Amino acid sequence: MQRPKKETTVSNGPHRIVFANEKGGTGKSTTAVHVAVALAYQGARVATIDLDSRQRTMHRYLENRTETQRRRQIALPGAQSVVYGGDNTDELDALTEQMAQHADFIIFDTPGRDDPMARHVAMGADTLVTPLNDSFVDFDLIGQVDAETFRVRRLSFYAELIWEARKKRAMATIRDARREMDWVVVRNRTGYTEARNQRRIDQALGELSKRVGFRIASGLSERVIYRELFPSGLTLLDKGHLGELGTSHLVARQELRTLVAGLNLPMPAPNGQMAMTGVE
């Protein structure tokens, strides 16, 4: 039987969640927006910084949400949102500190490519979320497998980068009482993977997770509803504002709740600290 973890608290600033993947098309921005809104629904103050100044999907989604509130004259939980398109880490850090003054969580959405600013915020993440589609094309981002056995042959450059960052962060945690970095690989769109291939990916992810220390969480399936909600900025959590939902949409809502629970994020406690709760 699982036992509840003893509650602990930390108070060294807002929790930084970084959604990062050097490959596009993995549902990164969609996942980031829905996590932001889910946290806001739980009473957290959420700020977001979109580092993809070209597409700015997360920022546009939240802008659409604000416009829908104005148009319908309704109030919805949401998040502060800004876009940063510069290349100066000091400037980005200053913006982050400014946003942090009134936030329990800061969520960064990064471009689907190798980007210096994305690397910078990933190094400072409390929770690093890497969404992957269930395919070996996406798996190649974090590790390379043998063509015959599908066993992991070696880490990718990206995985080695995060591994080194986590080691440095662990030393800082001991020295400066900082949080350790929690790396979570989120498996999106699993329903479209052939069963045998999915077993191979299960095996490879399990093997690699033991080597580099990431956790694996269930993500969001491929659903048209996510694209349809973008213009309004609404999410599956906005009950009463979506009209009649079919069974598949209710299943999708539960997927989102499972994802947020799987991230095991600290929620604000009444004393202003962050309470960590969960199960062993």
C-alpha atoms as a PDB file:
ATOM      1  CA  MET A   1       0.000   0.000   0.000  1.00  0.00           C
ATOM      2  CA  GLN A   2       1.234   3.507  -0.819  1.00  0.00           C
ATOM      3  CA  ARG A   3       1.782   5.768   2.154  1.00  0.00           C
ATOM      4  CA  PRO A   4       1.357   9.557   2.134  1.00  0.00           C
ATOM      5  CA  LYS A   5       4.608  11.447   2.117  1.00  0.00           C
ATOM      6  CA  LYS A   6       5.317  13.603   5.077  1.00  0.00           C
ATOM      7  CA  GLU A   7       4.598  17.212   4.189  1.00  0.00           C
ATOM      8  CA  THR A   8       7.607  19.463   3.789  1.00  0.00           C
ATOM      9  CA  THR A   9       7.854  23.128   2.923  1.00  0.00           C
ATOM     10  CA  VAL A  10      10.289  25.249   0.964  1.00  0.00           C
ATOM     11  CA  SER A  11      10.252  28.998   0.592  1.00  0.00           C
ATOM     12  CA  ASN A  12      12.974  29.999  -1.868  1.00  0.00           C
ATOM     13  CA  GLY A  13      10.834  31.806  -4.417  1.00  0.00           C
ATOM     14  CA  PRO A  14       8.246  30.683  -6.954  1.00  0.00           C
ATOM     15  CA  HIS A  15       8.508  27.217  -8.423  1.00  0.00           C
ATOM     16  CA  ARG A  16       9.958  27.353 -11.951  1.00  0.00           C
ATOM     17  CA  ILE A  17       8.474  24.957 -14.490  1.00  0.00           C
ATOM     18  CA  VAL A  18      10.238  24.805 -17.851  1.00  0.00           C
ATOM     19  CA  PHE A  19       8.645  23.063 -20.838  1.00  0.00           C
ATOM     20  CA  ALA A  20      11.556  22.242 -23.090  1.00  0.00           C
ATOM     21  CA  ASN A  21      12.131  20.019 -26.072  1.00  0.00           C
ATOM     22  CA  GLU A  22      14.464  20.741 -28.974  1.00  0.00           C
ATOM     23  CA  LYS A  23      11.947  19.145 -31.341  1.00  0.00           C
ATOM     24  CA  GLY A  24       8.657  20.738 -32.376  1.00  0.00           C
ATOM     25  CA  GLY A  25       5.263  19.089 -32.686  1.00  0.00           C
ATOM     26  CA  THR A  26       5.226  17.353 -29.306  1.00  0.00           C
ATOM     27  CA  GLY A  27       2.320  19.289 -27.761  1.00  0.00           C
ATOM     28  CA  LYS A  28       4.654  21.348 -25.596  1.00  0.00           C
ATOM     29  CA  SER A  29       2.777  24.662 -25.687  1.00  0.00           C
ATOM     30  CA  THR A  30      -0.638  23.013 -25.370  1.00  0.00           C
ATOM     31  CA  THR A  31       0.559  21.106 -22.316  1.00  0.00           C
ATOM     32  CA  ALA A  32       2.134  24.222 -20.796  1.00  0.00           C
ATOM     33  CA  VAL A  33      -1.057  26.276 -21.146  1.00  0.00           C
ATOM     34  CA  HIS A  34      -3.258  23.584 -19.647  1.00  0.00           C
ATOM     35  CA  VAL A  35      -0.910  23.083 -16.694  1.00  0.00           C
ATOM     36  CA  ALA A  36      -0.877  26.857 -16.106  1.00  0.00           C
ATOM     37  CA  VAL A  37      -4.680  27.036 -16.063  1.00  0.00           C
ATOM     38  CA  ALA A  38      -4.957  23.901 -13.914  1.00  0.00           C
ATOM     39  CA  LEU A  39      -2.658  25.475 -11.297  1.00  0.00           C
ATOM     40  CA  ALA A  40      -4.651  28.718 -11.416  1.00  0.00           C
ATOM     41  CA  TYR A  41      -7.829  26.726 -10.785  1.00  0.00           C
ATOM     42  CA  GLN A  42      -6.168  25.359  -7.640  1.00  0.00           C
ATOM     43  CA  GLY A  43      -5.672  28.894  -6.370  1.00  0.00           C
ATOM     44  CA  ALA A  44      -2.029  29.396  -7.371  1.00  0.00           C
ATOM     45  CA  ARG A  45      -0.721  32.652  -8.802  1.00  0.00           C
ATOM     46  CA  VAL A  46       0.794  31.773 -12.166  1.00  0.00           C
ATOM     47  CA  ALA A  47       3.094  33.789 -14.432  1.00  0.00           C
ATOM     48  CA  THR A  48       4.243  32.629 -17.856  1.00  0.00           C
ATOM     49  CA  ILE A  49       7.165  33.637 -20.062  1.00  0.00           C
ATOM     50  CA  ASP A  50       7.002  32.566 -23.702  1.00  0.00           C
ATOM     51  CA  LEU A  51      10.498  32.309 -25.171  1.00  0.00           C
ATOM     52  CA  ASP A  52       9.257  31.358 -28.636  1.00  0.00           C
ATOM     53  CA  SER A  53       8.918  34.898 -29.937  1.00  0.00           C
ATOM     54  CA  ARG A  54       8.069  33.672 -33.458  1.00  0.00           C
ATOM     55  CA  GLN A  55       5.099  31.420 -32.764  1.00  0.00           C
ATOM     56  CA  ARG A  56       4.324  32.618 -29.193  1.00  0.00           C
ATOM     57  CA  THR A  57       1.626  29.934 -28.940  1.00  0.00           C
ATOM     58  CA  MET A  58       1.333  29.971 -25.144  1.00  0.00           C
ATOM     59  CA  HIS A  59       1.126  33.764 -25.018  1.00  0.00           C
ATOM     60  CA  ARG A  60      -1.446  33.923 -27.816  1.00  0.00           C
ATOM     61  CA  TYR A  61      -3.559  31.253 -26.112  1.00  0.00           C
ATOM     62  CA  LEU A  62      -3.648  33.283 -22.887  1.00  0.00           C
ATOM     63  CA  GLU A  63      -4.348  36.489 -24.837  1.00  0.00           C
ATOM     64  CA  ASN A  64      -7.327  34.748 -26.441  1.00  0.00           C
ATOM     65  CA  ARG A  65      -8.469  33.692 -22.975  1.00  0.00           C
ATOM     66  CA  THR A  66      -8.389  37.298 -21.757  1.00  0.00           C
ATOM     67  CA  GLU A  67     -10.350  38.449 -24.810  1.00  0.00           C
ATOM     68  CA  THR A  68     -12.989  35.760 -24.241  1.00  0.00           C
ATOM     69  CA  GLN A  69     -13.431  36.938 -20.664  1.00  0.00           C
ATOM     70  CA  ARG A  70     -13.921  40.496 -21.887  1.00  0.00           C
ATOM     71  CA  ARG A  71     -16.305  39.485 -24.655  1.00  0.00           C
ATOM     72  CA  ARG A  72     -18.438  37.168 -22.529  1.00  0.00           C
ATOM     73  CA  GLN A  73     -18.071  39.267 -19.372  1.00  0.00           C
ATOM     74  CA  ILE A  74     -16.937  36.300 -17.312  1.00  0.00           C
ATOM     75  CA  ALA A  75     -14.059  35.696 -14.900  1.00  0.00           C
ATOM     76  CA  LEU A  76     -11.737  32.738 -15.420  1.00  0.00           C
ATOM     77  CA  PRO A  77      -8.583  31.652 -13.600  1.00  0.00           C
ATOM     78  CA  GLY A  78      -5.582  32.540 -15.707  1.00  0.00           C
ATOM     79  CA  ALA A  79      -1.980  33.675 -15.723  1.00  0.00           C
ATOM     80  CA  GLN A  80       0.155  36.728 -16.318  1.00  0.00           C
ATOM     81  CA  SER A  81       1.859  36.325 -19.669  1.00  0.00           C
ATOM     82  CA  VAL A  82       4.799  37.968 -21.427  1.00  0.00           C
ATOM     83  CA  VAL A  83       6.967  37.160 -24.433  1.00  0.00           C
ATOM     84  CA  TYR A  84      10.746  37.460 -24.349  1.00  0.00           C
ATOM     85  CA  GLY A  85      12.520  37.474 -27.676  1.00  0.00           C
ATOM     86  CA  GLY A  86      15.936  38.821 -26.715  1.00  0.00           C
ATOM     87  CA  ASP A  87      19.277  37.074 -26.347  1.00  0.00           C
ATOM     88  CA  ASN A  88      20.536  38.520 -23.057  1.00  0.00           C
ATOM     89  CA  THR A  89      20.432  36.176 -20.069  1.00  0.00           C
ATOM     90  CA  ASP A  90      20.771  39.010 -17.548  1.00  0.00           C
ATOM     91  CA  GLU A  91      17.802  40.752 -19.120  1.00  0.00           C
ATOM     92  CA  LEU A  92      15.776  37.531 -19.039  1.00  0.00           C
ATOM     93  CA  ASP A  93      16.722  36.958 -15.396  1.00  0.00           C
ATOM     94  CA  ALA A  94      15.590  40.487 -14.525  1.00  0.00           C
ATOM     95  CA  LEU A  95      12.251  39.889 -16.242  1.00  0.00           C
ATOM     96  CA  THR A  96      11.883  36.592 -14.395  1.00  0.00           C
ATOM     97  CA  GLU A  97      12.553  38.258 -11.045  1.00  0.00           C
ATOM     98  CA  GLN A  98       9.989  40.928 -11.853  1.00  0.00           C
ATOM     99  CA  MET A  99       7.356  38.309 -12.673  1.00  0.00           C
ATOM    100  CA  ALA A 100       8.314  36.309  -9.574  1.00  0.00           C
ATOM    101  CA  GLN A 101       7.230  39.059  -7.195  1.00  0.00           C
ATOM    102  CA  HIS A 102       3.576  38.131  -7.573  1.00  0.00           C
ATOM    103  CA  ALA A 103       3.690  34.455  -8.544  1.00  0.00           C
ATOM    104  CA  ASP A 104       3.731  31.021  -6.944  1.00  0.00           C
ATOM    105  CA  PHE A 105       4.725  29.424 -10.250  1.00  0.00           C
ATOM    106  CA  ILE A 106       6.615  30.713 -13.275  1.00  0.00           C
ATOM    107  CA  ILE A 107       6.090  28.645 -16.399  1.00  0.00           C
ATOM    108  CA  PHE A 108       8.468  28.942 -19.357  1.00  0.00           C
ATOM    109  CA  ASP A 109       7.533  27.733 -22.823  1.00  0.00           C
ATOM    110  CA  THR A 110      10.581  27.333 -25.063  1.00  0.00           C
ATOM    111  CA  PRO A 111      11.078  27.014 -28.842  1.00  0.00           C
ATOM    112  CA  GLY A 112      11.150  23.575 -30.437  1.00  0.00           C
ATOM    113  CA  ARG A 113      14.796  23.960 -31.401  1.00  0.00           C
ATOM    114  CA  ASP A 114      18.197  24.397 -29.804  1.00  0.00           C
ATOM    115  CA  ASP A 115      18.052  27.871 -28.277  1.00  0.00           C
ATOM    116  CA  PRO A 116      20.438  29.614 -25.829  1.00  0.00           C
ATOM    117  CA  MET A 117      17.645  31.165 -23.762  1.00  0.00           C
ATOM    118  CA  ALA A 118      15.870  27.820 -23.538  1.00  0.00           C
ATOM    119  CA  ARG A 119      19.044  26.208 -22.264  1.00  0.00           C
ATOM    120  CA  HIS A 120      19.493  28.988 -19.731  1.00  0.00           C
ATOM    121  CA  VAL A 121      16.058  28.623 -18.158  1.00  0.00           C
ATOM    122  CA  ALA A 122      16.292  24.810 -18.282  1.00  0.00           C
ATOM    123  CA  MET A 123      19.393  24.991 -16.094  1.00  0.00           C
ATOM    124  CA  GLY A 124      17.398  26.903 -13.472  1.00  0.00           C
ATOM    125  CA  ALA A 125      14.233  24.788 -13.602  1.00  0.00           C
ATOM    126  CA  ASP A 126      12.730  23.317 -10.463  1.00  0.00           C
ATOM    127  CA  THR A 127      10.607  21.070 -12.671  1.00  0.00           C
ATOM    128  CA  LEU A 128      11.805  20.415 -16.213  1.00  0.00           C
ATOM    129  CA  VAL A 129       9.069  18.958 -18.421  1.00  0.00           C
ATOM    130  CA  THR A 130      10.048  17.318 -21.704  1.00  0.00           C
ATOM    131  CA  PRO A 131       6.985  16.257 -23.727  1.00  0.00           C
ATOM    132  CA  LEU A 132       7.602  13.451 -26.207  1.00  0.00           C
ATOM    133  CA  ASN A 133       5.382  11.772 -28.747  1.00  0.00           C
ATOM    134  CA  ASP A 134       5.552   7.993 -28.447  1.00  0.00           C
ATOM    135  CA  SER A 135       7.936   7.383 -31.318  1.00  0.00           C
ATOM    136  CA  PHE A 136      11.634   6.650 -31.681  1.00  0.00           C
ATOM    137  CA  VAL A 137      11.928   9.817 -33.767  1.00  0.00           C
ATOM    138  CA  ASP A 138      11.129  11.780 -30.620  1.00  0.00           C
ATOM    139  CA  PHE A 139      12.997   9.384 -28.335  1.00  0.00           C
ATOM    140  CA  ASP A 140      16.167  10.187 -30.268  1.00  0.00           C
ATOM    141  CA  LEU A 141      16.130  13.591 -28.564  1.00  0.00           C
ATOM    142  CA  ILE A 142      17.152  11.971 -25.270  1.00  0.00           C
ATOM    143  CA  GLY A 143      18.774   8.698 -26.290  1.00  0.00           C
ATOM    144  CA  GLN A 144      19.820   6.509 -29.190  1.00  0.00           C
ATOM    145  CA  VAL A 145      18.750   2.864 -29.415  1.00  0.00           C
ATOM    146  CA  ASP A 146      20.165  -0.187 -31.132  1.00  0.00           C
ATOM    147  CA  ALA A 147      18.365  -0.866 -34.424  1.00  0.00           C
ATOM    148  CA  GLU A 148      17.968  -4.590 -33.663  1.00  0.00           C
ATOM    149  CA  THR A 149      17.416  -4.855 -29.908  1.00  0.00           C
ATOM    150  CA  PHE A 150      16.015  -1.367 -29.225  1.00  0.00           C
ATOM    151  CA  ARG A 151      18.223  -1.183 -26.128  1.00  0.00           C
ATOM    152  CA  VAL A 152      19.651   2.241 -25.314  1.00  0.00           C
ATOM    153  CA  ARG A 153      23.132   2.611 -26.798  1.00  0.00           C
ATOM    154  CA  ARG A 154      23.977   6.090 -25.527  1.00  0.00           C
ATOM    155  CA  LEU A 155      22.559   9.341 -24.252  1.00  0.00           C
ATOM    156  CA  SER A 156      21.823  12.175 -26.633  1.00  0.00           C
ATOM    157  CA  PHE A 157      23.560  15.526 -26.312  1.00  0.00           C
ATOM    158  CA  TYR A 158      20.370  16.966 -24.787  1.00  0.00           C
ATOM    159  CA  ALA A 159      20.160  14.261 -22.114  1.00  0.00           C
ATOM    160  CA  GLU A 160      23.837  14.714 -21.251  1.00  0.00           C
ATOM    161  CA  LEU A 161      23.269  18.460 -20.955  1.00  0.00           C
ATOM    162  CA  ILE A 162      20.393  18.000 -18.517  1.00  0.00           C
ATOM    163  CA  TRP A 163      22.283  15.294 -16.604  1.00  0.00           C
ATOM    164  CA  GLU A 164      25.183  17.688 -16.012  1.00  0.00           C
ATOM    165  CA  ALA A 165      22.797  20.478 -15.042  1.00  0.00           C
ATOM    166  CA  ARG A 166      21.087  18.223 -12.505  1.00  0.00           C
ATOM    167  CA  LYS A 167      24.426  17.247 -10.953  1.00  0.00           C
ATOM    168  CA  LYS A 168      25.410  20.906 -10.570  1.00  0.00           C
ATOM    169  CA  ARG A 169      21.976  21.690  -9.193  1.00  0.00           C
ATOM    170  CA  ALA A 170      22.289  18.874  -6.625  1.00  0.00           C
ATOM    171  CA  MET A 171      25.518  20.446  -5.333  1.00  0.00           C
ATOM    172  CA  ALA A 172      23.823  23.848  -5.143  1.00  0.00           C
ATOM    173  CA  THR A 173      20.914  22.255  -3.301  1.00  0.00           C
ATOM    174  CA  ILE A 174      23.267  21.063  -0.570  1.00  0.00           C
ATOM    175  CA  ARG A 175      25.170  24.366  -0.426  1.00  0.00           C
ATOM    176  CA  ASP A 176      22.367  26.914  -0.857  1.00  0.00           C
ATOM    177  CA  ALA A 177      19.236  24.962   0.162  1.00  0.00           C
ATOM    178  CA  ARG A 178      17.872  25.189  -3.370  1.00  0.00           C
ATOM    179  CA  ARG A 179      15.330  22.759  -4.705  1.00  0.00           C
ATOM    180  CA  GLU A 180      16.611  19.782  -6.649  1.00  0.00           C
ATOM    181  CA  MET A 181      15.642  19.701 -10.317  1.00  0.00           C
ATOM    182  CA  ASP A 182      12.857  17.228 -11.071  1.00  0.00           C
ATOM    183  CA  TRP A 183      13.036  16.114 -14.707  1.00  0.00           C
ATOM    184  CA  VAL A 184       9.749  14.708 -16.014  1.00  0.00           C
ATOM    185  CA  VAL A 185       9.381  13.160 -19.467  1.00  0.00           C
ATOM    186  CA  VAL A 186       5.714  13.440 -20.457  1.00  0.00           C
ATOM    187  CA  ARG A 187       4.413  10.925 -22.973  1.00  0.00           C
ATOM    188  CA  ASN A 188       1.919  12.667 -25.242  1.00  0.00           C
ATOM    189  CA  ARG A 189      -0.219  11.092 -27.971  1.00  0.00           C
ATOM    190  CA  THR A 190       0.320   7.513 -26.805  1.00  0.00           C
ATOM    191  CA  GLY A 191      -2.970   6.328 -28.312  1.00  0.00           C
ATOM    192  CA  TYR A 192      -1.558   6.452 -31.830  1.00  0.00           C
ATOM    193  CA  THR A 193       1.356   4.096 -31.183  1.00  0.00           C
ATOM    194  CA  GLU A 194       1.254   0.512 -32.437  1.00  0.00           C
ATOM    195  CA  ALA A 195       1.290  -1.932 -29.496  1.00  0.00           C
ATOM    196  CA  ARG A 196       4.626  -3.623 -30.246  1.00  0.00           C
ATOM    197  CA  ASN A 197       6.345  -0.297 -30.845  1.00  0.00           C
ATOM    198  CA  GLN A 198       4.862   1.063 -27.626  1.00  0.00           C
ATOM    199  CA  ARG A 199       6.340  -1.844 -25.659  1.00  0.00           C
ATOM    200  CA  ARG A 200       9.741  -1.096 -27.163  1.00  0.00           C
ATOM    201  CA  ILE A 201       9.429   2.567 -26.203  1.00  0.00           C
ATOM    202  CA  ASP A 202       8.295   1.535 -22.699  1.00  0.00           C
ATOM    203  CA  GLN A 203      11.436  -0.556 -22.344  1.00  0.00           C
ATOM    204  CA  ALA A 204      13.776   2.115 -23.707  1.00  0.00           C
ATOM    205  CA  LEU A 205      12.287   4.897 -21.581  1.00  0.00           C
ATOM    206  CA  GLY A 206      12.418   2.744 -18.464  1.00  0.00           C
ATOM    207  CA  GLU A 207      16.054   1.872 -19.105  1.00  0.00           C
ATOM    208  CA  LEU A 208      17.055   5.468 -19.817  1.00  0.00           C
ATOM    209  CA  SER A 209      15.143   6.882 -16.857  1.00  0.00           C
ATOM    210  CA  LYS A 210      17.226   4.748 -14.508  1.00  0.00           C
ATOM    211  CA  ARG A 211      20.447   5.975 -16.104  1.00  0.00           C
ATOM    212  CA  VAL A 212      19.748   9.707 -16.055  1.00  0.00           C
ATOM    213  CA  GLY A 213      17.113   9.999 -13.332  1.00  0.00           C
ATOM    214  CA  PHE A 214      14.029  11.405 -15.041  1.00  0.00           C
ATOM    215  CA  ARG A 215      10.474  10.446 -14.136  1.00  0.00           C
ATOM    216  CA  ILE A 216       7.850   9.411 -16.678  1.00  0.00           C
ATOM    217  CA  ALA A 217       4.329  10.861 -16.656  1.00  0.00           C
ATOM    218  CA  SER A 218       1.276  10.266 -18.825  1.00  0.00           C
ATOM    219  CA  GLY A 219       0.445  13.221 -21.046  1.00  0.00           C
ATOM    220  CA  LEU A 220      -2.281  14.347 -23.424  1.00  0.00           C
ATOM    221  CA  SER A 221      -3.676  12.359 -26.319  1.00  0.00           C
ATOM    222  CA  GLU A 222      -4.015  13.837 -29.804  1.00  0.00           C
ATOM    223  CA  ARG A 223      -7.473  15.441 -29.857  1.00  0.00           C
ATOM    224  CA  VAL A 224      -9.069  17.974 -32.169  1.00  0.00           C
ATOM    225  CA  ILE A 225     -10.618  19.735 -29.153  1.00  0.00           C
ATOM    226  CA  TYR A 226      -7.261  21.261 -28.182  1.00  0.00           C
ATOM    227  CA  ARG A 227      -6.955  23.008 -31.543  1.00  0.00           C
ATOM    228  CA  GLU A 228     -10.609  24.048 -31.474  1.00  0.00           C
ATOM    229  CA  LEU A 229     -10.257  25.709 -28.061  1.00  0.00           C
ATOM    230  CA  PHE A 230      -7.242  27.814 -29.036  1.00  0.00           C
ATOM    231  CA  PRO A 231      -9.169  30.790 -30.560  1.00  0.00           C
ATOM    232  CA  SER A 232     -11.224  31.193 -27.371  1.00  0.00           C
ATOM    233  CA  GLY A 233      -8.374  30.470 -24.977  1.00  0.00           C
ATOM    234  CA  LEU A 234     -10.658  28.095 -23.086  1.00  0.00           C
ATOM    235  CA  THR A 235      -9.500  24.767 -21.660  1.00  0.00           C
ATOM    236  CA  LEU A 236     -11.189  21.516 -20.779  1.00  0.00           C
ATOM    237  CA  LEU A 237     -11.254  22.674 -17.155  1.00  0.00           C
ATOM    238  CA  ASP A 238     -13.600  25.587 -17.911  1.00  0.00           C
ATOM    239  CA  LYS A 239     -16.827  23.828 -16.992  1.00  0.00           C
ATOM    240  CA  GLY A 240     -19.968  25.725 -17.861  1.00  0.00           C
ATOM    241  CA  HIS A 241     -18.322  27.635 -20.704  1.00  0.00           C
ATOM    242  CA  LEU A 242     -17.780  24.829 -23.225  1.00  0.00           C
ATOM    243  CA  GLY A 243     -21.309  23.665 -24.023  1.00  0.00           C
ATOM    244  CA  GLU A 244     -22.075  19.961 -24.179  1.00  0.00           C
ATOM    245  CA  LEU A 245     -18.970  17.774 -23.990  1.00  0.00           C
ATOM    246  CA  GLY A 246     -18.794  14.277 -25.392  1.00  0.00           C
ATOM    247  CA  THR A 247     -17.370  11.285 -23.591  1.00  0.00           C
ATOM    248  CA  SER A 248     -13.986  11.682 -25.290  1.00  0.00           C
ATOM    249  CA  HIS A 249     -13.727  15.240 -23.935  1.00  0.00           C
ATOM    250  CA  LEU A 250     -14.449  14.036 -20.414  1.00  0.00           C
ATOM    251  CA  VAL A 251     -11.712  11.434 -20.836  1.00  0.00           C
ATOM    252  CA  ALA A 252      -9.370  14.197 -22.030  1.00  0.00           C
ATOM    253  CA  ARG A 253     -10.157  16.257 -18.924  1.00  0.00           C
ATOM    254  CA  GLN A 254      -9.207  13.309 -16.747  1.00  0.00           C
ATOM    255  CA  GLU A 255      -5.971  12.916 -18.736  1.00  0.00           C
ATOM    256  CA  LEU A 256      -5.122  16.510 -17.883  1.00  0.00           C
ATOM    257  CA  ARG A 257      -5.842  15.998 -14.187  1.00  0.00           C
ATOM    258  CA  THR A 258      -3.678  12.876 -14.201  1.00  0.00           C
ATOM    259  CA  LEU A 259      -0.862  14.795 -15.871  1.00  0.00           C
ATOM    260  CA  VAL A 260      -0.934  17.635 -13.322  1.00  0.00           C
ATOM    261  CA  ALA A 261      -1.001  15.144 -10.448  1.00  0.00           C
ATOM    262  CA  GLY A 262       1.924  13.285 -12.021  1.00  0.00           C
ATOM    263  CA  LEU A 263       4.069  16.424 -12.048  1.00  0.00           C
ATOM    264  CA  ASN A 264       3.860  16.408  -8.225  1.00  0.00           C
ATOM    265  CA  LEU A 265       4.124  20.188  -7.970  1.00  0.00           C
ATOM    266  CA  PRO A 266       4.212  22.106  -4.670  1.00  0.00           C
ATOM    267  CA  MET A 267       1.060  24.084  -4.007  1.00  0.00           C
ATOM    268  CA  PRO A 268       0.883  27.335  -2.002  1.00  0.00           C
ATOM    269  CA  ALA A 269       0.205  26.854   1.695  1.00  0.00           C
ATOM    270  CA  PRO A 270      -1.699  29.414   3.794  1.00  0.00           C
ATOM    271  CA  ASN A 271       1.550  30.639   5.361  1.00  0.00           C
ATOM    272  CA  GLY A 272       2.902  31.655   1.968  1.00  0.00           C
ATOM    273  CA  GLN A 273       5.330  28.750   1.732  1.00  0.00           C
ATOM    274  CA  MET A 274       5.046  25.923  -0.771  1.00  0.00           C
ATOM    275  CA  ALA A 275       3.675  22.658   0.592  1.00  0.00           C
ATOM    276  CA  MET A 276       4.945  19.454  -1.014  1.00  0.00           C
ATOM    277  CA  THR A 277       2.474  16.618  -0.781  1.00  0.00           C
ATOM    278  CA  GLY A 278       2.181  13.345  -2.597  1.00  0.00           C
ATOM    279  CA  VAL A 279       2.512   9.591  -2.222  1.00  0.00           C
ATOM    280  CA  GLU A 280       5.500   7.329  -2.045  1.00  0.00           C
END
